[in-house]
């Protein structure tokens, strides 16, 4: 595998509205991020991914953009962002922004023009269709609503939206749309950003026809359509070629074989991608299935492409709550961290993961702010389900699980704000916070810093071949990474009961563990060990 800085990088995701509030209005902001840059740098990470801070009505937490060239007032000003870019670079950190170009806000000037008239010069910048006998053009669904079609009285047509009705999809078949997007990307690159996290980028290419589908609940018809690679290759030619910009595509509905088409080094499309075979398709940890997913993606991509490793982000419940154990919070947080940082691919840390933050279960559905939760909850109640049943079934996967404010200390609102936080702080902040973690040499935070330092100093962690030694075991995950005669063995008990193992190695070969290991052949609940040995 060819070596590159971005393959060796660790990315830290900042969901700024829940990270740090600098002015007391209860909402995190860009100056709050700047206040905590030294903390981020102290982790040893290389790249900050900043969630959207562009001007937006904020229907979907900034993923409904009404102006790509200005900053949302809640976040701050363009001067704040420019200062953040400079300050990050001074600390050796790169900063990437979300690129949200599958859709805009319905308040964007482009959409206002498009809906104003069928003869407007931007009339075809979005996707418009006539209805069928007064009903939407087809039986499709959107992510956030029962139908992806909304009627517009002015044009007397339906417009298409993969997400909320306030997020109309752009029509990428129009060259003028693509030119406008590429111009905007150049503008931001000239501002000094270091790349883009590309939101649902493989949804930009639509199906050739809008016929009904057999199973509307299988949303795969929304993405990964023929012609997507030609669009991404054009984007590469027009914007990315000859630059060192980092690009990671959010790519739903894609398996390993298709994944290589997006990130193969000879294809000139993306550096890396997020797939969702774990985050979307696995309710809780199913270890044999997880191991098969890792094996399939490694075998399909290596050595020509690189994937990303993550178990939580702003859209997915915190990893300890979903894939680990709140009973063994510290142990499972360390185990999941060790696993993701030693598996093949680029590790992403979601803010608070490094201190073992957990999800939250609001008892009142009105406490949930996520538009997807609200729409789906209302739809199910309207269909006759009981409120209690609906709430309990949706709590684990609700996106607000990961959006509660960052827990900095034991003070008011966990040190996130001096005002009233825009979303309730998790009550466990008195035990789980950065200040306490900094004072504990055995904290999850200290463990993460060790992991990241190991990645910086041991190329085997990045470039080593991967082999699973116990792929069928339901509780033990044992694998090796091998490079230039050096072998790393990872032994994980992904389970809340002790297990015996034959994969332990002598203690002198132990590099890192989350327990004071006493028995080479027995692993405690959620025990994780990393060994190194030289090949003969």
Protein backbone atom coordinates (compact mmCIF):
# COMPACT_ATOMS: atom_id res chain seq x y z
CA UNK A 1 0.00 0.00 0.00
CA UNK A 2 1.30 3.45 -0.93
CA UNK A 3 2.00 5.65 2.06
CA UNK A 4 0.28 9.02 2.52
CA UNK A 5 -0.26 11.41 5.43
CA UNK A 6 -4.02 11.02 5.34
CA UNK A 7 -3.84 7.23 5.67
CA UNK A 8 -1.92 7.72 8.91
CA UNK A 9 -4.29 10.39 10.23
CA UNK A 10 -6.74 10.28 13.12
CA UNK A 11 -9.84 12.46 12.64
CA UNK A 12 -11.69 14.21 15.47
CA UNK A 13 -15.29 15.16 14.72
CA UNK A 14 -16.57 18.40 16.23
CA UNK A 15 -20.33 18.83 16.36
CA UNK A 16 -19.86 22.48 17.21
CA UNK A 17 -23.35 23.27 18.53
CA UNK A 18 -22.78 20.76 21.33
CA UNK A 19 -19.03 21.27 21.82
CA UNK A 20 -18.46 24.58 23.66
CA UNK A 21 -20.50 27.76 23.99
CA UNK A 22 -18.37 30.91 24.17
CA UNK A 23 -21.06 33.57 24.61
CA UNK A 24 -23.61 32.09 27.00
CA UNK A 25 -26.52 31.75 24.59
CA UNK A 26 -26.69 27.99 25.21
CA UNK A 27 -25.50 27.03 21.74
CA UNK A 28 -21.97 25.92 20.94
CA UNK A 29 -20.12 28.08 18.44
CA UNK A 30 -16.90 28.48 16.48
CA UNK A 31 -15.21 30.56 19.16
CA UNK A 32 -16.01 27.80 21.61
CA UNK A 33 -14.20 25.35 19.33
CA UNK A 34 -11.23 27.71 19.21
CA UNK A 35 -11.18 27.85 23.03
CA UNK A 36 -10.71 24.08 23.07
CA UNK A 37 -8.20 23.71 20.24
CA UNK A 38 -5.36 23.02 22.65
CA UNK A 39 -7.38 20.18 24.15
CA UNK A 40 -8.05 18.71 20.71
CA UNK A 41 -4.37 19.04 19.78
CA UNK A 42 -3.37 17.34 23.05
CA UNK A 43 -5.12 14.17 21.89
CA UNK A 44 -2.60 13.81 19.07
CA UNK A 45 -5.20 13.85 16.30
CA UNK A 46 -4.43 15.25 12.86
CA UNK A 47 -7.72 16.40 11.34
CA UNK A 48 -10.80 18.18 12.69
CA UNK A 49 -14.05 17.50 10.88
CA UNK A 50 -16.39 20.42 11.58
CA UNK A 51 -20.10 19.84 11.05
CA UNK A 52 -21.95 22.39 8.86
CA UNK A 53 -21.79 25.99 10.06
CA UNK A 54 -23.12 27.65 6.90
CA UNK A 55 -26.19 29.88 6.96
CA UNK A 56 -29.23 27.68 7.47
CA UNK A 57 -32.81 27.76 8.78
CA UNK A 58 -31.56 24.87 10.93
CA UNK A 59 -34.38 22.44 10.25
CA UNK A 60 -31.87 19.59 10.15
CA UNK A 61 -29.11 20.94 12.39
CA UNK A 62 -27.37 22.80 9.58
CA UNK A 63 -27.68 20.17 6.86
CA UNK A 64 -30.26 22.42 5.17
CA UNK A 65 -28.01 25.12 3.77
CA UNK A 66 -29.45 28.39 2.48
CA UNK A 67 -26.11 30.06 1.66
CA UNK A 68 -22.83 28.21 1.12
CA UNK A 69 -20.78 31.43 1.37
CA UNK A 70 -21.84 32.78 4.78
CA UNK A 71 -21.84 31.52 8.37
CA UNK A 72 -24.89 30.74 10.51
CA UNK A 73 -25.37 33.38 13.22
CA UNK A 74 -25.64 30.63 15.86
CA UNK A 75 -22.13 29.53 14.94
CA UNK A 76 -20.54 32.96 14.67
CA UNK A 77 -19.05 34.87 11.76
CA UNK A 78 -16.83 34.25 8.77
CA UNK A 79 -14.05 35.99 10.69
CA UNK A 80 -14.50 33.42 13.47
CA UNK A 81 -14.12 30.57 11.00
CA UNK A 82 -11.10 32.16 9.37
CA UNK A 83 -9.51 32.57 12.79
CA UNK A 84 -10.31 28.94 13.62
CA UNK A 85 -8.66 27.72 10.41
CA UNK A 86 -5.54 29.75 11.19
CA UNK A 87 -5.41 28.65 14.83
CA UNK A 88 -5.84 25.00 13.85
CA UNK A 89 -3.02 25.21 11.34
CA UNK A 90 -0.77 26.84 13.93
CA UNK A 91 -1.24 23.72 16.07
CA UNK A 92 -0.52 21.35 13.19
CA UNK A 93 -4.20 20.45 12.78
CA UNK A 94 -6.01 20.26 9.47
CA UNK A 95 -9.67 21.27 9.25
CA UNK A 96 -12.29 19.84 6.90
CA UNK A 97 -15.85 21.04 6.37
CA UNK A 98 -19.04 19.22 5.49
CA UNK A 99 -19.89 19.43 1.81
CA UNK A 100 -23.68 19.18 1.59
CA UNK A 101 -24.58 19.27 -2.09
CA UNK A 102 -27.16 16.53 -2.57
CA UNK A 103 -29.69 19.09 -1.38
CA UNK A 104 -30.05 22.65 -0.14
CA UNK A 105 -32.55 24.42 2.08
CA UNK A 106 -35.85 25.42 0.52
CA UNK A 107 -34.79 28.93 1.59
CA UNK A 108 -31.74 28.92 -0.69
CA UNK A 109 -31.89 31.55 -3.44
CA UNK A 110 -31.44 28.82 -6.03
CA UNK A 111 -34.58 27.01 -4.93
CA UNK A 112 -36.59 30.21 -4.61
CA UNK A 113 -35.80 30.92 -8.25
CA UNK A 114 -36.46 27.35 -9.31
CA UNK A 115 -39.92 27.25 -7.72
CA UNK A 116 -40.88 30.71 -8.99
CA UNK A 117 -41.52 29.65 -12.57
CA UNK A 118 -41.09 26.76 -14.98
CA UNK A 119 -39.29 29.17 -17.31
CA UNK A 120 -36.81 30.60 -14.80
CA UNK A 121 -33.16 30.05 -15.72
CA UNK A 122 -32.84 27.86 -12.60
CA UNK A 123 -36.12 26.04 -13.20
CA UNK A 124 -34.30 22.73 -13.67
CA UNK A 125 -31.75 23.15 -10.88
CA UNK A 126 -33.97 20.93 -8.72
CA UNK A 127 -36.06 17.85 -9.48
CA UNK A 128 -39.64 18.59 -10.42
CA UNK A 129 -42.33 16.14 -11.53
CA UNK A 130 -46.03 16.19 -12.25
CA UNK A 131 -48.25 14.14 -10.00
CA UNK A 132 -50.26 11.11 -10.99
CA UNK A 133 -53.98 11.85 -10.69
CA UNK A 134 -53.39 14.25 -7.84
CA UNK A 135 -50.95 12.02 -5.96
CA UNK A 136 -47.12 12.05 -5.75
CA UNK A 137 -45.21 10.80 -8.80
CA UNK A 138 -44.29 7.44 -7.22
CA UNK A 139 -44.44 5.30 -4.08
CA UNK A 140 -40.94 6.13 -2.84
CA UNK A 141 -40.12 7.25 0.70
CA UNK A 142 -37.59 9.74 1.99
CA UNK A 143 -35.31 9.28 4.98
CA UNK A 144 -37.35 11.70 7.07
CA UNK A 145 -40.88 11.61 5.64
CA UNK A 146 -43.43 9.15 4.20
CA UNK A 147 -42.91 10.59 0.71
CA UNK A 148 -39.96 12.34 -0.96
CA UNK A 149 -42.36 14.52 -2.94
CA UNK A 150 -43.86 17.83 -1.80
CA UNK A 151 -46.42 19.79 -3.78
CA UNK A 152 -45.57 23.37 -4.69
CA UNK A 153 -48.51 25.65 -5.42
CA UNK A 154 -46.54 28.16 -7.49
CA UNK A 155 -45.15 25.69 -10.04
CA UNK A 156 -48.06 23.30 -9.60
CA UNK A 157 -45.58 20.42 -9.48
CA UNK A 158 -43.95 18.16 -6.91
CA UNK A 159 -40.33 18.64 -5.94
CA UNK A 160 -38.09 15.80 -4.74
CA UNK A 161 -36.35 15.63 -1.35
CA UNK A 162 -34.38 12.65 -0.05
CA UNK A 163 -34.69 14.04 3.47
CA UNK A 164 -37.06 16.63 4.98
CA UNK A 165 -39.45 18.59 2.78
CA UNK A 166 -37.37 21.68 3.60
CA UNK A 167 -34.34 20.03 1.92
CA UNK A 168 -35.01 19.84 -1.85
CA UNK A 169 -32.51 17.78 -3.85
CA UNK A 170 -30.35 19.47 -6.46
CA UNK A 171 -30.52 18.23 -10.04
CA UNK A 172 -26.98 17.11 -10.81
CA UNK A 173 -27.91 16.41 -14.42
CA UNK A 174 -27.70 20.16 -15.00
CA UNK A 175 -24.14 21.28 -15.86
CA UNK A 176 -24.84 24.71 -14.35
CA UNK A 177 -25.57 23.08 -10.97
CA UNK A 178 -22.29 21.20 -11.04
CA UNK A 179 -20.37 24.31 -12.08
CA UNK A 180 -21.89 26.25 -9.18
CA UNK A 181 -20.92 23.52 -6.71
CA UNK A 182 -17.37 23.27 -8.03
CA UNK A 183 -16.97 27.04 -7.85
CA UNK A 184 -18.09 26.97 -4.22
CA UNK A 185 -15.62 24.16 -3.41
CA UNK A 186 -12.77 26.17 -4.95
CA UNK A 187 -13.83 29.19 -2.88
CA UNK A 188 -13.58 27.24 0.36
CA UNK A 189 -10.28 25.63 -0.61
CA UNK A 190 -8.94 29.13 -1.23
CA UNK A 191 -10.07 30.01 2.31
CA UNK A 192 -7.56 27.47 3.55
CA UNK A 193 -9.67 24.48 4.54
CA UNK A 194 -8.00 21.11 4.09
CA UNK A 195 -10.78 19.05 2.58
CA UNK A 196 -14.38 17.94 2.68
CA UNK A 197 -16.53 15.35 4.39
CA UNK A 198 -19.06 14.79 1.62
CA UNK A 199 -22.57 14.32 2.98
CA UNK A 200 -24.53 11.44 1.33
CA UNK A 201 -22.48 12.11 -1.79
CA UNK A 202 -23.59 9.01 -3.67
CA UNK A 203 -27.20 10.21 -3.58
CA UNK A 204 -26.47 13.01 -6.05
CA UNK A 205 -27.05 10.67 -9.00
CA UNK A 206 -30.72 9.69 -9.27
CA UNK A 207 -32.40 6.74 -10.94
CA UNK A 208 -32.99 7.11 -14.67
CA UNK A 209 -36.76 6.87 -14.15
CA UNK A 210 -39.11 7.57 -11.27
CA UNK A 211 -41.15 4.40 -11.54
CA UNK A 212 -42.67 2.78 -8.45
CA UNK A 213 -40.46 0.33 -6.54
CA UNK A 214 -41.44 -3.07 -5.17
CA UNK A 215 -40.35 -2.26 -1.61
CA UNK A 216 -40.50 1.45 -0.73
CA UNK A 217 -39.02 0.78 2.71
CA UNK A 218 -35.74 -0.38 1.14
CA UNK A 219 -34.28 3.06 0.47
CA UNK A 220 -31.38 1.78 -1.60
CA UNK A 221 -33.07 3.19 -4.72
CA UNK A 222 -32.07 6.64 -3.44
CA UNK A 223 -28.33 6.15 -3.96
CA UNK A 224 -25.41 4.40 -5.64
CA UNK A 225 -26.97 4.68 -9.07
CA UNK A 226 -25.24 4.19 -12.45
CA UNK A 227 -23.40 7.35 -13.41
CA UNK A 228 -22.32 8.34 -9.89
CA UNK A 229 -18.67 7.59 -10.62
CA UNK A 230 -18.62 9.81 -13.69
CA UNK A 231 -19.91 12.67 -11.55
CA UNK A 232 -17.29 12.12 -8.85
CA UNK A 233 -14.52 11.82 -11.42
CA UNK A 234 -15.63 15.12 -12.92
CA UNK A 235 -15.57 16.69 -9.44
CA UNK A 236 -12.05 15.37 -9.00
CA UNK A 237 -10.90 16.81 -12.32
CA UNK A 238 -12.53 20.17 -11.72
CA UNK A 239 -11.63 20.68 -8.05
CA UNK A 240 -9.47 18.06 -6.37
CA UNK A 241 -6.83 17.04 -8.91
CA UNK A 242 -3.37 18.32 -8.06
CA UNK A 243 -4.34 19.25 -4.50
CA UNK A 244 -3.68 17.60 -1.15
CA UNK A 245 -7.29 18.01 -0.05
CA UNK A 246 -8.66 15.23 2.14
CA UNK A 247 -12.00 13.82 1.02
CA UNK A 248 -14.22 11.32 2.78
CA UNK A 249 -17.52 10.35 1.25
CA UNK A 250 -20.58 9.36 3.23
CA UNK A 251 -21.66 6.44 1.04
CA UNK A 252 -24.85 4.59 2.05
CA UNK A 253 -26.13 1.47 0.26
CA UNK A 254 -22.64 0.33 -0.72
CA UNK A 255 -20.84 -2.96 -0.14
CA UNK A 256 -17.10 -3.60 -0.36
CA UNK A 257 -16.90 -4.28 -4.10
CA UNK A 258 -18.70 -1.05 -4.96
CA UNK A 259 -16.74 0.69 -2.23
CA UNK A 260 -13.49 0.15 -4.09
CA UNK A 261 -14.95 2.01 -7.07
CA UNK A 262 -15.19 5.12 -4.89
CA UNK A 263 -11.75 4.98 -3.22
CA UNK A 264 -9.47 2.97 -5.49
CA UNK A 265 -6.29 5.03 -5.82
CA UNK A 266 -6.27 4.82 -9.62
CA UNK A 267 -9.88 5.98 -10.01
CA UNK A 268 -9.50 9.66 -9.06
CA UNK A 269 -12.65 9.95 -6.98
CA UNK A 270 -12.38 10.00 -3.16
CA UNK A 271 -9.60 9.40 -0.63
CA UNK A 272 -11.78 7.33 1.69
CA UNK A 273 -15.40 6.63 2.61
CA UNK A 274 -17.85 5.88 5.37
CA UNK A 275 -19.95 2.78 4.82
CA UNK A 276 -22.92 1.88 7.00
CA UNK A 277 -22.97 -1.90 7.27
CA UNK A 278 -22.37 -1.48 11.01
CA UNK A 279 -23.81 1.90 11.97
CA UNK A 280 -27.09 1.56 10.08
CA UNK A 281 -27.61 -2.18 9.85
CA UNK A 282 -26.51 -3.51 13.26
CA UNK A 283 -28.75 -2.66 16.22
CA UNK A 284 -26.25 -3.75 18.89
CA UNK A 285 -22.93 -5.58 18.71
CA UNK A 286 -23.18 -8.81 16.69
CA UNK A 287 -19.53 -9.83 16.84
CA UNK A 288 -19.48 -12.64 14.23
CA UNK A 289 -21.26 -10.36 11.79
CA UNK A 290 -18.97 -7.45 12.63
CA UNK A 291 -15.91 -9.61 11.96
CA UNK A 292 -17.30 -10.71 8.60
CA UNK A 293 -17.89 -7.08 7.64
CA UNK A 294 -14.30 -6.17 8.55
CA UNK A 295 -12.94 -9.13 6.59
CA UNK A 296 -15.00 -8.40 3.49
CA UNK A 297 -14.10 -4.73 3.38
CA UNK A 298 -10.41 -5.38 4.01
CA UNK A 299 -10.18 -8.04 1.30
CA UNK A 300 -12.03 -5.87 -1.22
CA UNK A 301 -10.10 -2.64 -0.61
CA UNK A 302 -6.56 -3.65 0.38
CA UNK A 303 -4.09 -2.56 -0.95
CA UNK A 304 -5.77 -0.18 -3.41
CA UNK A 305 -8.17 1.69 -1.15
CA UNK A 306 -8.84 2.79 2.41
CA UNK A 307 -12.07 2.82 4.41
CA UNK A 308 -12.93 4.64 7.64
CA UNK A 309 -13.50 3.15 11.08
CA UNK A 310 -16.24 4.58 13.29
CA UNK A 311 -19.00 3.35 15.56
CA UNK A 312 -20.61 6.68 16.50
CA UNK A 313 -21.03 10.19 15.17
CA UNK A 314 -23.65 12.96 15.21
CA UNK A 315 -26.15 10.60 13.55
CA UNK A 316 -25.49 7.44 15.57
CA UNK A 317 -25.81 6.61 19.26
CA UNK A 318 -22.64 6.77 21.33
CA UNK A 319 -20.64 3.60 20.94
CA UNK A 320 -20.46 2.60 24.63
CA UNK A 321 -24.26 2.59 24.92
CA UNK A 322 -24.88 0.81 21.64
CA UNK A 323 -21.94 -1.53 21.08
CA UNK A 324 -20.33 -1.72 24.50
CA UNK A 325 -21.71 -1.74 28.03
CA UNK A 326 -22.69 1.09 30.36
CA UNK A 327 -22.12 -1.33 33.25
CA UNK A 328 -18.54 -1.77 32.05
CA UNK A 329 -18.36 1.73 30.64
CA UNK A 330 -14.65 2.39 31.10
CA UNK A 331 -13.58 -1.10 30.05
CA UNK A 332 -15.79 -1.24 26.97
CA UNK A 333 -14.92 2.33 25.94
CA UNK A 334 -11.25 1.39 25.96
CA UNK A 335 -11.89 -1.89 24.16
CA UNK A 336 -13.86 -0.21 21.37
CA UNK A 337 -11.18 2.45 21.03
CA UNK A 338 -8.39 -0.13 20.82
CA UNK A 339 -10.38 -2.10 18.27
CA UNK A 340 -11.11 0.81 15.94
CA UNK A 341 -7.59 2.20 16.11
CA UNK A 342 -5.97 -1.14 15.25
CA UNK A 343 -8.36 -2.32 12.52
CA UNK A 344 -7.50 -1.40 8.92
CA UNK A 345 -8.68 2.08 8.01
CA UNK A 346 -8.76 5.67 9.25
CA UNK A 347 -10.15 6.03 12.80
CA UNK A 348 -12.66 8.76 13.60
CA UNK A 349 -13.21 9.99 17.15
CA UNK A 350 -16.55 11.63 17.83
CA UNK A 351 -16.35 14.35 20.49
CA UNK A 352 -16.81 12.86 23.95
CA UNK A 353 -15.98 9.35 22.81
CA UNK A 354 -12.51 9.85 24.22
CA UNK A 355 -13.92 10.23 27.75
CA UNK A 356 -16.49 7.44 27.39
CA UNK A 357 -19.64 9.56 27.12
CA UNK A 358 -22.90 7.60 26.91
CA UNK A 359 -26.22 8.00 25.15
CA UNK A 360 -29.33 9.47 26.74
CA UNK A 361 -32.93 8.29 26.96
CA UNK A 362 -35.41 11.15 27.23
CA UNK A 363 -38.68 10.09 28.88
CA UNK A 364 -40.63 12.81 27.08
CA UNK A 365 -40.75 12.61 23.25
CA UNK A 366 -40.98 16.41 23.17
CA UNK A 367 -37.40 16.53 24.49
CA UNK A 368 -36.11 15.12 21.21
CA UNK A 369 -35.07 17.80 18.76
CA UNK A 370 -34.03 15.63 15.83
CA UNK A 371 -36.32 16.17 12.81
CA UNK A 372 -36.04 12.51 11.81
CA UNK A 373 -37.14 11.35 15.26
CA UNK A 374 -40.04 13.80 15.38
CA UNK A 375 -41.35 12.88 11.93
CA UNK A 376 -41.07 9.14 12.42
CA UNK A 377 -42.59 9.31 15.90
CA UNK A 378 -45.59 11.28 14.61
CA UNK A 379 -46.05 8.91 11.67
CA UNK A 380 -46.11 5.84 13.91
CA UNK A 381 -48.50 7.43 16.42
CA UNK A 382 -50.81 8.41 13.55
CA UNK A 383 -50.73 4.77 12.41
CA UNK A 384 -52.15 3.70 15.76
CA UNK A 385 -49.12 2.56 17.77
CA UNK A 386 -49.00 3.39 21.46
CA UNK A 387 -46.75 6.31 22.49
CA UNK A 388 -44.88 4.23 25.06
CA UNK A 389 -44.10 1.46 22.59
CA UNK A 390 -42.95 3.91 19.92
CA UNK A 391 -40.75 5.88 22.30
CA UNK A 392 -39.04 2.85 23.81
CA UNK A 393 -38.37 1.35 20.37
CA UNK A 394 -36.81 4.57 19.06
CA UNK A 395 -34.72 5.69 22.03
CA UNK A 396 -31.58 3.67 21.31
CA UNK A 397 -31.19 4.87 17.71
CA UNK A 398 -32.38 8.47 18.16
CA UNK A 399 -29.77 10.89 16.84
CA UNK A 400 -30.07 13.09 19.95
CA UNK A 401 -28.20 10.33 21.82
CA UNK A 402 -24.95 11.68 20.44
CA UNK A 403 -25.90 15.37 20.38
CA UNK A 404 -26.04 16.15 24.09
CA UNK A 405 -23.44 18.76 25.12
CA UNK A 406 -19.80 17.87 25.63
CA UNK A 407 -19.05 17.20 29.29
CA UNK A 408 -16.11 19.36 30.33
CA UNK A 409 -16.40 19.52 34.12
CA UNK A 410 -18.77 19.24 37.10
CA UNK A 411 -19.90 22.86 36.89
CA UNK A 412 -23.15 24.27 35.53
CA UNK A 413 -24.23 22.50 32.34
CA UNK A 414 -21.04 20.41 32.48
CA UNK A 415 -18.97 23.50 31.63
CA UNK A 416 -20.54 23.62 28.18
CA UNK A 417 -22.31 26.95 28.70
CA UNK A 418 -23.04 29.53 31.38
CA UNK A 419 -26.55 29.81 29.92
CA UNK A 420 -29.31 27.29 29.31
CA UNK A 421 -28.02 24.56 26.96
CA UNK A 422 -29.88 24.11 23.68
CA UNK A 423 -30.20 20.42 24.55
CA UNK A 424 -30.23 18.80 27.97
CA UNK A 425 -26.88 17.69 29.36
CA UNK A 426 -26.56 14.03 30.25
CA UNK A 427 -27.02 13.82 34.04
CA UNK A 428 -23.94 11.61 34.38
CA UNK A 429 -21.65 14.57 33.61
CA UNK A 430 -20.68 14.75 37.28
CA UNK A 431 -18.85 11.44 36.90
CA UNK A 432 -17.97 11.58 33.21
CA UNK A 433 -16.15 14.76 32.17
CA UNK A 434 -12.84 15.94 30.76
CA UNK A 435 -11.61 17.55 33.99
CA UNK A 436 -11.97 14.30 35.93
CA UNK A 437 -10.42 12.29 33.09
CA UNK A 438 -7.37 14.58 32.98
CA UNK A 439 -6.68 13.80 36.63
CA UNK A 440 -6.96 10.02 36.25
CA UNK A 441 -3.97 8.24 34.68
CA UNK A 442 -6.20 5.22 33.99
CA UNK A 443 -9.02 7.16 32.34
CA UNK A 444 -10.48 6.50 28.90
CA UNK A 445 -8.89 9.80 27.83
CA UNK A 446 -5.41 8.67 28.85
CA UNK A 447 -5.97 5.40 27.01
CA UNK A 448 -6.98 7.21 23.81
CA UNK A 449 -3.85 9.35 23.94
CA UNK A 450 -1.75 6.19 24.18
CA UNK A 451 -3.58 4.67 21.22
CA UNK A 452 -3.03 7.71 19.04
CA UNK A 453 0.63 7.91 20.01
CA UNK A 454 1.06 4.25 19.07
CA UNK A 455 -0.43 4.96 15.65
CA UNK A 456 2.09 7.76 15.14
CA UNK A 457 5.08 5.59 16.00
CA UNK A 458 4.17 2.14 14.63
CA UNK A 459 3.48 1.89 10.88
CA UNK A 460 2.13 -1.64 11.37
CA UNK A 461 -0.98 -0.05 12.88
CA UNK A 462 -1.67 1.70 9.57
CA UNK A 463 -0.12 -0.38 6.81
CA UNK A 464 0.05 -3.89 8.26
CA UNK A 465 -1.86 -6.71 6.62
CA UNK A 466 -4.90 -7.91 8.58
CA UNK A 467 -5.81 -11.47 9.49
CA UNK A 468 -8.59 -12.72 11.75
CA UNK A 469 -7.58 -15.65 13.95
CA UNK A 470 -10.98 -16.54 15.44
CA UNK A 471 -13.60 -15.40 12.97
CA UNK A 472 -16.39 -17.69 14.22
CA UNK A 473 -15.98 -17.02 17.94
CA UNK A 474 -19.07 -15.21 19.31
CA UNK A 475 -17.22 -13.39 22.10
CA UNK A 476 -13.51 -13.23 21.26
CA UNK A 477 -12.15 -10.96 18.54
CA UNK A 478 -8.54 -11.92 17.85
CA UNK A 479 -6.63 -10.54 14.88
CA UNK A 480 -3.13 -9.62 13.80
CA UNK A 481 -1.56 -6.80 11.83
CA UNK A 482 1.76 -7.66 10.18
CA UNK A 483 4.35 -5.41 8.55
CA UNK A 484 8.06 -5.86 7.86
CA UNK A 485 8.51 -8.73 10.29
CA UNK A 486 6.59 -7.04 13.12
CA UNK A 487 3.32 -8.59 14.26
CA UNK A 488 0.68 -6.98 16.44
CA UNK A 489 -1.88 -9.29 18.01
CA UNK A 490 -5.14 -7.84 19.33
CA UNK A 491 -7.14 -9.98 21.76
CA UNK A 492 -10.58 -8.66 22.74
CA UNK A 493 -13.32 -10.09 24.91
CA UNK A 494 -16.36 -8.32 23.48
CA UNK A 495 -18.63 -9.67 26.19
CA UNK A 496 -19.76 -8.97 29.76
CA UNK A 497 -18.60 -12.34 31.12
CA UNK A 498 -15.05 -13.73 31.53
CA UNK A 499 -13.78 -16.02 28.77
CA UNK A 500 -10.82 -18.37 28.44
CA UNK A 501 -8.44 -18.05 25.53
CA UNK A 502 -5.45 -19.75 23.96
CA UNK A 503 -4.40 -16.56 22.19
CA UNK A 504 -2.65 -14.85 25.08
CA UNK A 505 1.07 -14.11 24.79
CA UNK A 506 3.79 -13.59 27.43
CA UNK A 507 3.39 -10.43 29.49
CA UNK A 508 6.66 -8.98 28.19
CA UNK A 509 5.06 -8.75 24.76
CA UNK A 510 2.06 -6.81 26.05
CA UNK A 511 1.97 -3.22 24.78
CA UNK A 512 -1.40 -2.01 26.00
CA UNK A 513 -4.35 -3.35 28.00
CA UNK A 514 -7.39 -1.99 29.79
CA UNK A 515 -6.91 -4.27 32.83
CA UNK A 516 -4.08 -5.19 35.17
CA UNK A 517 -3.71 -8.52 33.44
CA UNK A 518 -2.98 -11.47 35.74
CA UNK A 519 -3.98 -14.59 33.79
CA UNK A 520 -2.65 -15.07 30.29
CA UNK A 521 -5.42 -17.53 29.45
CA UNK A 522 -8.42 -15.69 30.92
CA UNK A 523 -9.97 -12.42 29.86
CA UNK A 524 -12.21 -10.37 32.12
CA UNK A 525 -15.40 -8.70 30.81
CA UNK A 526 -14.50 -6.34 27.97
CA UNK A 527 -10.80 -6.94 28.46
CA UNK A 528 -8.61 -5.79 25.60
CA UNK A 529 -4.94 -6.59 25.01
CA UNK A 530 -2.45 -5.50 22.39
CA UNK A 531 0.71 -7.58 21.96
CA UNK A 532 3.76 -7.18 19.73
CA UNK A 533 6.23 -9.84 18.67
CA UNK A 534 8.90 -10.23 16.04
CA UNK A 535 8.51 -12.83 13.31
CA UNK A 536 11.29 -15.45 13.30
